[in-house]
Amino acid sequence: DFFELKNGEKVKLPFSNKEYKDRI
């Protein structure tokens, strides 16, 4: 019904990890 798939590598996102952490 559901699963996880880590296909490939994480790509560079438009914002820094710090930016996303601040938002969260």
PDB file of all heavy atoms in Angstrom:
ATOM      1  N   ASP A   1       0.835  -1.201   0.000  1.00  0.00           N
ATOM      2  CA  ASP A   1       0.000   0.000   0.000  1.00  0.00           C
ATOM      3  C   ASP A   1       0.873   1.256   0.000  1.00  0.00           C
ATOM      4  O   ASP A   1       0.459   2.305  -0.502  1.00  0.00           O
ATOM      5  CB  ASP A   1      -0.902   0.037   1.239  1.00  0.00           C
ATOM      6  CG  ASP A   1      -1.943  -1.074   1.240  1.00  0.00           C
ATOM      7  OD1 ASP A   1      -2.238  -1.598   0.152  1.00  0.00           O
ATOM      8  OD2 ASP A   1      -2.444  -1.407   2.328  1.00  0.00           O
ATOM      9  N   PHE A   2       2.066   1.127   0.538  1.00  0.00           N
ATOM     10  CA  PHE A   2       2.989   2.260   0.627  1.00  0.00           C
ATOM     11  C   PHE A   2       4.401   1.717   0.841  1.00  0.00           C
ATOM     12  O   PHE A   2       4.577   0.560   1.274  1.00  0.00           O
ATOM     13  CB  PHE A   2       2.605   3.203   1.771  1.00  0.00           C
ATOM     14  CG  PHE A   2       2.264   2.513   3.042  1.00  0.00           C
ATOM     15  CD1 PHE A   2       3.259   2.091   3.925  1.00  0.00           C
ATOM     16  CD2 PHE A   2       0.938   2.246   3.370  1.00  0.00           C
ATOM     17  CE1 PHE A   2       2.942   1.430   5.087  1.00  0.00           C
ATOM     18  CE2 PHE A   2       0.619   1.566   4.540  1.00  0.00           C
ATOM     19  CZ  PHE A   2       1.620   1.159   5.401  1.00  0.00           C
ATOM     20  N   PHE A   3       5.390   2.528   0.515  1.00  0.00           N
ATOM     21  CA  PHE A   3       6.783   2.101   0.687  1.00  0.00           C
ATOM     22  C   PHE A   3       7.687   3.328   0.616  1.00  0.00           C
ATOM     23  O   PHE A   3       7.238   4.444   0.323  1.00  0.00           O
ATOM     24  CB  PHE A   3       7.177   1.067  -0.375  1.00  0.00           C
ATOM     25  CG  PHE A   3       7.134   1.584  -1.801  1.00  0.00           C
ATOM     26  CD1 PHE A   3       8.292   2.022  -2.438  1.00  0.00           C
ATOM     27  CD2 PHE A   3       5.932   1.643  -2.504  1.00  0.00           C
ATOM     28  CE1 PHE A   3       8.258   2.495  -3.742  1.00  0.00           C
ATOM     29  CE2 PHE A   3       5.888   2.112  -3.805  1.00  0.00           C
ATOM     30  CZ  PHE A   3       7.052   2.546  -4.426  1.00  0.00           C
ATOM     31  N   GLU A   4       8.970   3.132   0.862  1.00  0.00           N
ATOM     32  CA  GLU A   4       9.961   4.189   0.729  1.00  0.00           C
ATOM     33  C   GLU A   4      10.932   3.822  -0.380  1.00  0.00           C
ATOM     34  O   GLU A   4      11.245   2.644  -0.573  1.00  0.00           O
ATOM     35  CB  GLU A   4      10.712   4.411   2.042  1.00  0.00           C
ATOM     36  CG  GLU A   4       9.821   4.921   3.163  1.00  0.00           C
ATOM     37  CD  GLU A   4      10.599   5.207   4.443  1.00  0.00           C
ATOM     38  OE1 GLU A   4      11.848   5.316   4.369  1.00  0.00           O
ATOM     39  OE2 GLU A   4       9.959   5.304   5.511  1.00  0.00           O
ATOM     40  N   LEU A   5      11.416   4.836  -1.124  1.00  0.00           N
ATOM     41  CA  LEU A   5      12.351   4.601  -2.224  1.00  0.00           C
ATOM     42  C   LEU A   5      13.362   5.735  -2.278  1.00  0.00           C
ATOM     43  O   LEU A   5      13.016   6.863  -2.631  1.00  0.00           O
ATOM     44  CB  LEU A   5      11.596   4.503  -3.558  1.00  0.00           C
ATOM     45  CG  LEU A   5      12.475   4.367  -4.809  1.00  0.00           C
ATOM     46  CD1 LEU A   5      13.243   3.040  -4.780  1.00  0.00           C
ATOM     47  CD2 LEU A   5      11.620   4.475  -6.069  1.00  0.00           C
ATOM     48  N   LYS A   6      14.600   5.421  -1.920  1.00  0.00           N
ATOM     49  CA  LYS A   6      15.674   6.411  -2.009  1.00  0.00           C
ATOM     50  C   LYS A   6      16.437   6.136  -3.294  1.00  0.00           C
ATOM     51  O   LYS A   6      17.479   5.483  -3.305  1.00  0.00           O
ATOM     52  CB  LYS A   6      16.561   6.335  -0.771  1.00  0.00           C
ATOM     53  CG  LYS A   6      15.803   6.699   0.499  1.00  0.00           C
ATOM     54  CD  LYS A   6      16.672   6.602   1.740  1.00  0.00           C
ATOM     55  CE  LYS A   6      15.863   6.982   2.981  1.00  0.00           C
ATOM     56  NZ  LYS A   6      16.669   6.890   4.230  1.00  0.00           N
ATOM     57  N   ASN A   7      15.889   6.652  -4.394  1.00  0.00           N
ATOM     58  CA  ASN A   7      16.413   6.366  -5.725  1.00  0.00           C
ATOM     59  C   ASN A   7      17.376   7.477  -6.153  1.00  0.00           C
ATOM     60  O   ASN A   7      16.963   8.603  -6.402  1.00  0.00           O
ATOM     61  CB  ASN A   7      15.256   6.262  -6.719  1.00  0.00           C
ATOM     62  CG  ASN A   7      15.691   5.644  -8.029  1.00  0.00           C
ATOM     63  OD1 ASN A   7      16.552   4.770  -8.043  1.00  0.00           O
ATOM     64  ND2 ASN A   7      15.101   6.088  -9.124  1.00  0.00           N
ATOM     65  N   GLY A   8      18.668   7.148  -6.223  1.00  0.00           N
ATOM     66  CA  GLY A   8      19.657   8.163  -6.557  1.00  0.00           C
ATOM     67  C   GLY A   8      20.137   8.887  -5.308  1.00  0.00           C
ATOM     68  O   GLY A   8      20.093   8.358  -4.192  1.00  0.00           O
ATOM     69  N   GLU A   9      20.580  10.123  -5.512  1.00  0.00           N
ATOM     70  CA  GLU A   9      21.103  10.941  -4.424  1.00  0.00           C
ATOM     71  C   GLU A   9      20.252  12.191  -4.246  1.00  0.00           C
ATOM     72  O   GLU A   9      19.622  12.666  -5.197  1.00  0.00           O
ATOM     73  CB  GLU A   9      22.552  11.356  -4.715  1.00  0.00           C
ATOM     74  CG  GLU A   9      23.512  10.195  -4.925  1.00  0.00           C
ATOM     75  CD  GLU A   9      23.734   9.392  -3.666  1.00  0.00           C
ATOM     76  OE1 GLU A   9      23.614   9.975  -2.567  1.00  0.00           O
ATOM     77  OE2 GLU A   9      24.029   8.177  -3.769  1.00  0.00           O
ATOM     78  N   LYS A  10      20.235  12.727  -3.041  1.00  0.00           N
ATOM     79  CA  LYS A  10      19.584  14.019  -2.808  1.00  0.00           C
ATOM     80  C   LYS A  10      20.260  15.084  -3.677  1.00  0.00           C
ATOM     81  O   LYS A  10      21.486  15.100  -3.815  1.00  0.00           O
ATOM     82  CB  LYS A  10      19.701  14.425  -1.337  1.00  0.00           C
ATOM     83  CG  LYS A  10      18.876  13.587  -0.370  1.00  0.00           C
ATOM     84  CD  LYS A  10      17.443  14.061  -0.297  1.00  0.00           C
ATOM     85  CE  LYS A  10      16.706  13.425   0.869  1.00  0.00           C
ATOM     86  NZ  LYS A  10      15.285  13.876   0.944  1.00  0.00           N
ATOM     87  N   VAL A  11      19.460  15.974  -4.271  1.00  0.00           N
ATOM     88  CA  VAL A  11      20.016  17.024  -5.116  1.00  0.00           C
ATOM     89  C   VAL A  11      20.109  18.333  -4.329  1.00  0.00           C
ATOM     90  O   VAL A  11      19.525  18.473  -3.245  1.00  0.00           O
ATOM     91  CB  VAL A  11      19.157  17.248  -6.382  1.00  0.00           C
ATOM     92  CG1 VAL A  11      19.057  15.963  -7.192  1.00  0.00           C
ATOM     93  CG2 VAL A  11      17.767  17.756  -6.008  1.00  0.00           C
ATOM     94  N   LYS A  12      20.840  19.287  -4.891  1.00  0.00           N
ATOM     95  CA  LYS A  12      20.949  20.601  -4.258  1.00  0.00           C
ATOM     96  C   LYS A  12      19.617  21.320  -4.408  1.00  0.00           C
ATOM     97  O   LYS A  12      19.119  21.509  -5.512  1.00  0.00           O
ATOM     98  CB  LYS A  12      22.067  21.416  -4.909  1.00  0.00           C
ATOM     99  CG  LYS A  12      22.354  22.742  -4.209  1.00  0.00           C
ATOM    100  CD  LYS A  12      23.521  23.462  -4.887  1.00  0.00           C
ATOM    101  CE  LYS A  12      23.888  24.738  -4.119  1.00  0.00           C
ATOM    102  NZ  LYS A  12      22.800  25.710  -4.069  1.00  0.00           N
ATOM    103  N   LEU A  13      19.045  21.736  -3.300  1.00  0.00           N
ATOM    104  CA  LEU A  13      17.749  22.403  -3.298  1.00  0.00           C
ATOM    105  C   LEU A  13      17.935  23.922  -3.452  1.00  0.00           C
ATOM    106  O   LEU A  13      19.055  24.437  -3.304  1.00  0.00           O
ATOM    107  CB  LEU A  13      17.000  22.076  -2.017  1.00  0.00           C
ATOM    108  CG  LEU A  13      16.637  20.594  -1.829  1.00  0.00           C
ATOM    109  CD1 LEU A  13      15.961  20.372  -0.492  1.00  0.00           C
ATOM    110  CD2 LEU A  13      15.755  20.096  -2.958  1.00  0.00           C
ATOM    111  N   PRO A  14      16.855  24.642  -3.730  1.00  0.00           N
ATOM    112  CA  PRO A  14      16.992  26.093  -3.937  1.00  0.00           C
ATOM    113  C   PRO A  14      17.426  26.860  -2.699  1.00  0.00           C
ATOM    114  O   PRO A  14      17.915  27.980  -2.814  1.00  0.00           O
ATOM    115  CB  PRO A  14      15.591  26.516  -4.393  1.00  0.00           C
ATOM    116  CG  PRO A  14      14.673  25.418  -3.946  1.00  0.00           C
ATOM    117  CD  PRO A  14      15.492  24.180  -4.029  1.00  0.00           C
ATOM    118  N   PHE A  15      17.239  26.257  -1.509  1.00  0.00           N
ATOM    119  CA  PHE A  15      17.620  26.928  -0.275  1.00  0.00           C
ATOM    120  C   PHE A  15      18.523  26.026   0.557  1.00  0.00           C
ATOM    121  O   PHE A  15      18.570  24.815   0.356  1.00  0.00           O
ATOM    122  CB  PHE A  15      16.376  27.318   0.529  1.00  0.00           C
ATOM    123  CG  PHE A  15      15.466  28.252  -0.204  1.00  0.00           C
ATOM    124  CD1 PHE A  15      14.273  27.791  -0.739  1.00  0.00           C
ATOM    125  CD2 PHE A  15      15.798  29.583  -0.384  1.00  0.00           C
ATOM    126  CE1 PHE A  15      13.436  28.638  -1.436  1.00  0.00           C
ATOM    127  CE2 PHE A  15      14.970  30.440  -1.082  1.00  0.00           C
ATOM    128  CZ  PHE A  15      13.782  29.977  -1.614  1.00  0.00           C
ATOM    129  N   SER A  16      19.226  26.642   1.486  1.00  0.00           N
ATOM    130  CA  SER A  16      20.142  25.905   2.349  1.00  0.00           C
ATOM    131  C   SER A  16      19.372  25.038   3.345  1.00  0.00           C
ATOM    132  O   SER A  16      18.180  25.264   3.613  1.00  0.00           O
ATOM    133  CB  SER A  16      21.033  26.884   3.106  1.00  0.00           C
ATOM    134  OG  SER A  16      20.253  27.663   4.014  1.00  0.00           O
ATOM    135  N   ASN A  17      20.071  24.041   3.891  1.00  0.00           N
ATOM    136  CA  ASN A  17      19.452  23.217   4.940  1.00  0.00           C
ATOM    137  C   ASN A  17      19.032  24.074   6.133  1.00  0.00           C
ATOM    138  O   ASN A  17      17.994  23.828   6.758  1.00  0.00           O
ATOM    139  CB  ASN A  17      20.424  22.129   5.392  1.00  0.00           C
ATOM    140  CG  ASN A  17      20.553  21.008   4.378  1.00  0.00           C
ATOM    141  OD1 ASN A  17      19.626  20.752   3.608  1.00  0.00           O
ATOM    142  ND2 ASN A  17      21.696  20.343   4.368  1.00  0.00           N
ATOM    143  N   LYS A  18      19.854  25.073   6.439  1.00  0.00           N
ATOM    144  CA  LYS A  18      19.525  25.968   7.551  1.00  0.00           C
ATOM    145  C   LYS A  18      18.202  26.684   7.298  1.00  0.00           C
ATOM    146  O   LYS A  18      17.380  26.847   8.206  1.00  0.00           O
ATOM    147  CB  LYS A  18      20.626  26.992   7.763  1.00  0.00           C
ATOM    148  CG  LYS A  18      20.350  27.974   8.908  1.00  0.00           C
ATOM    149  CD  LYS A  18      21.454  29.000   9.052  1.00  0.00           C
ATOM    150  CE  LYS A  18      21.177  29.957  10.206  1.00  0.00           C
ATOM    151  NZ  LYS A  18      19.894  30.682  10.056  1.00  0.00           N
ATOM    152  N   GLU A  19      17.979  27.121   6.050  1.00  0.00           N
ATOM    153  CA  GLU A  19      16.731  27.803   5.709  1.00  0.00           C
ATOM    154  C   GLU A  19      15.531  26.902   5.970  1.00  0.00           C
ATOM    155  O   GLU A  19      14.540  27.321   6.592  1.00  0.00           O
ATOM    156  CB  GLU A  19      16.755  28.224   4.238  1.00  0.00           C
ATOM    157  CG  GLU A  19      15.446  28.783   3.705  1.00  0.00           C
ATOM    158  CD  GLU A  19      15.219  30.249   4.046  1.00  0.00           C
ATOM    159  OE1 GLU A  19      16.142  30.897   4.564  1.00  0.00           O
ATOM    160  OE2 GLU A  19      14.100  30.745   3.800  1.00  0.00           O
ATOM    161  N   TYR A  20      15.604  25.650   5.509  1.00  0.00           N
ATOM    162  CA  TYR A  20      14.483  24.733   5.721  1.00  0.00           C
ATOM    163  C   TYR A  20      14.291  24.419   7.203  1.00  0.00           C
ATOM    164  O   TYR A  20      13.157  24.330   7.690  1.00  0.00           O
ATOM    165  CB  TYR A  20      14.685  23.448   4.915  1.00  0.00           C
ATOM    166  CG  TYR A  20      14.499  23.647   3.432  1.00  0.00           C
ATOM    167  CD1 TYR A  20      15.577  23.548   2.559  1.00  0.00           C
ATOM    168  CD2 TYR A  20      13.252  23.950   2.895  1.00  0.00           C
ATOM    169  CE1 TYR A  20      15.414  23.738   1.192  1.00  0.00           C
ATOM    170  CE2 TYR A  20      13.079  24.146   1.532  1.00  0.00           C
ATOM    171  CZ  TYR A  20      14.165  24.044   0.678  1.00  0.00           C
ATOM    172  OH  TYR A  20      14.004  24.250  -0.667  1.00  0.00           O
ATOM    173  N   LYS A  21      15.391  24.265   7.931  1.00  0.00           N
ATOM    174  CA  LYS A  21      15.281  24.010   9.377  1.00  0.00           C
ATOM    175  C   LYS A  21      14.626  25.193  10.090  1.00  0.00           C
ATOM    176  O   LYS A  21      13.799  25.006  10.997  1.00  0.00           O
ATOM    177  CB  LYS A  21      16.659  23.728   9.955  1.00  0.00           C
ATOM    178  CG  LYS A  21      17.216  22.358   9.578  1.00  0.00           C
ATOM    179  CD  LYS A  21      18.619  22.157  10.149  1.00  0.00           C
ATOM    180  CE  LYS A  21      19.181  20.802   9.731  1.00  0.00           C
ATOM    181  NZ  LYS A  21      20.585  20.622  10.205  1.00  0.00           N
ATOM    182  N   ASP A  22      14.986  26.409   9.695  1.00  0.00           N
ATOM    183  CA  ASP A  22      14.370  27.595  10.295  1.00  0.00           C
ATOM    184  C   ASP A  22      12.864  27.613  10.046  1.00  0.00           C
ATOM    185  O   ASP A  22      12.072  27.949  10.940  1.00  0.00           O
ATOM    186  CB  ASP A  22      14.998  28.871   9.727  1.00  0.00           C
ATOM    187  CG  ASP A  22      16.404  29.123  10.262  1.00  0.00           C
ATOM    188  OD1 ASP A  22      16.790  28.471  11.251  1.00  0.00           O
ATOM    189  OD2 ASP A  22      17.113  29.972   9.681  1.00  0.00           O
ATOM    190  N   ARG A  23      12.466  27.260   8.844  1.00  0.00           N
ATOM    191  CA  ARG A  23      11.031  27.244   8.524  1.00  0.00           C
ATOM    192  C   ARG A  23      10.295  26.199   9.374  1.00  0.00           C
ATOM    193  O   ARG A  23       9.208  26.475   9.906  1.00  0.00           O
ATOM    194  CB  ARG A  23      10.835  26.950   7.033  1.00  0.00           C
ATOM    195  CG  ARG A  23      11.367  28.034   6.112  1.00  0.00           C
ATOM    196  CD  ARG A  23      11.163  27.657   4.648  1.00  0.00           C
ATOM    197  NE  ARG A  23      11.777  28.652   3.763  1.00  0.00           N
ATOM    198  CZ  ARG A  23      11.692  28.633   2.440  1.00  0.00           C
ATOM    199  NH1 ARG A  23      11.011  27.661   1.834  1.00  0.00           N
ATOM    200  NH2 ARG A  23      12.277  29.568   1.712  1.00  0.00           N
ATOM    201  N   ILE A  24      10.891  25.013   9.474  1.00  0.00           N
ATOM    202  CA  ILE A  24      10.264  23.955  10.266  1.00  0.00           C
ATOM    203  C   ILE A  24      10.200  24.346  11.738  1.00  0.00           C
ATOM    204  O   ILE A  24       9.192  24.105  12.429  1.00  0.00           O
ATOM    205  CB  ILE A  24      11.019  22.625  10.093  1.00  0.00           C
ATOM    206  CG1 ILE A  24      10.903  22.127   8.652  1.00  0.00           C
ATOM    207  CG2 ILE A  24      10.478  21.572  11.051  1.00  0.00           C
ATOM    208  CD1 ILE A  24       9.506  21.819   8.199  1.00  0.00           C
TER     209      ILE A  24
END
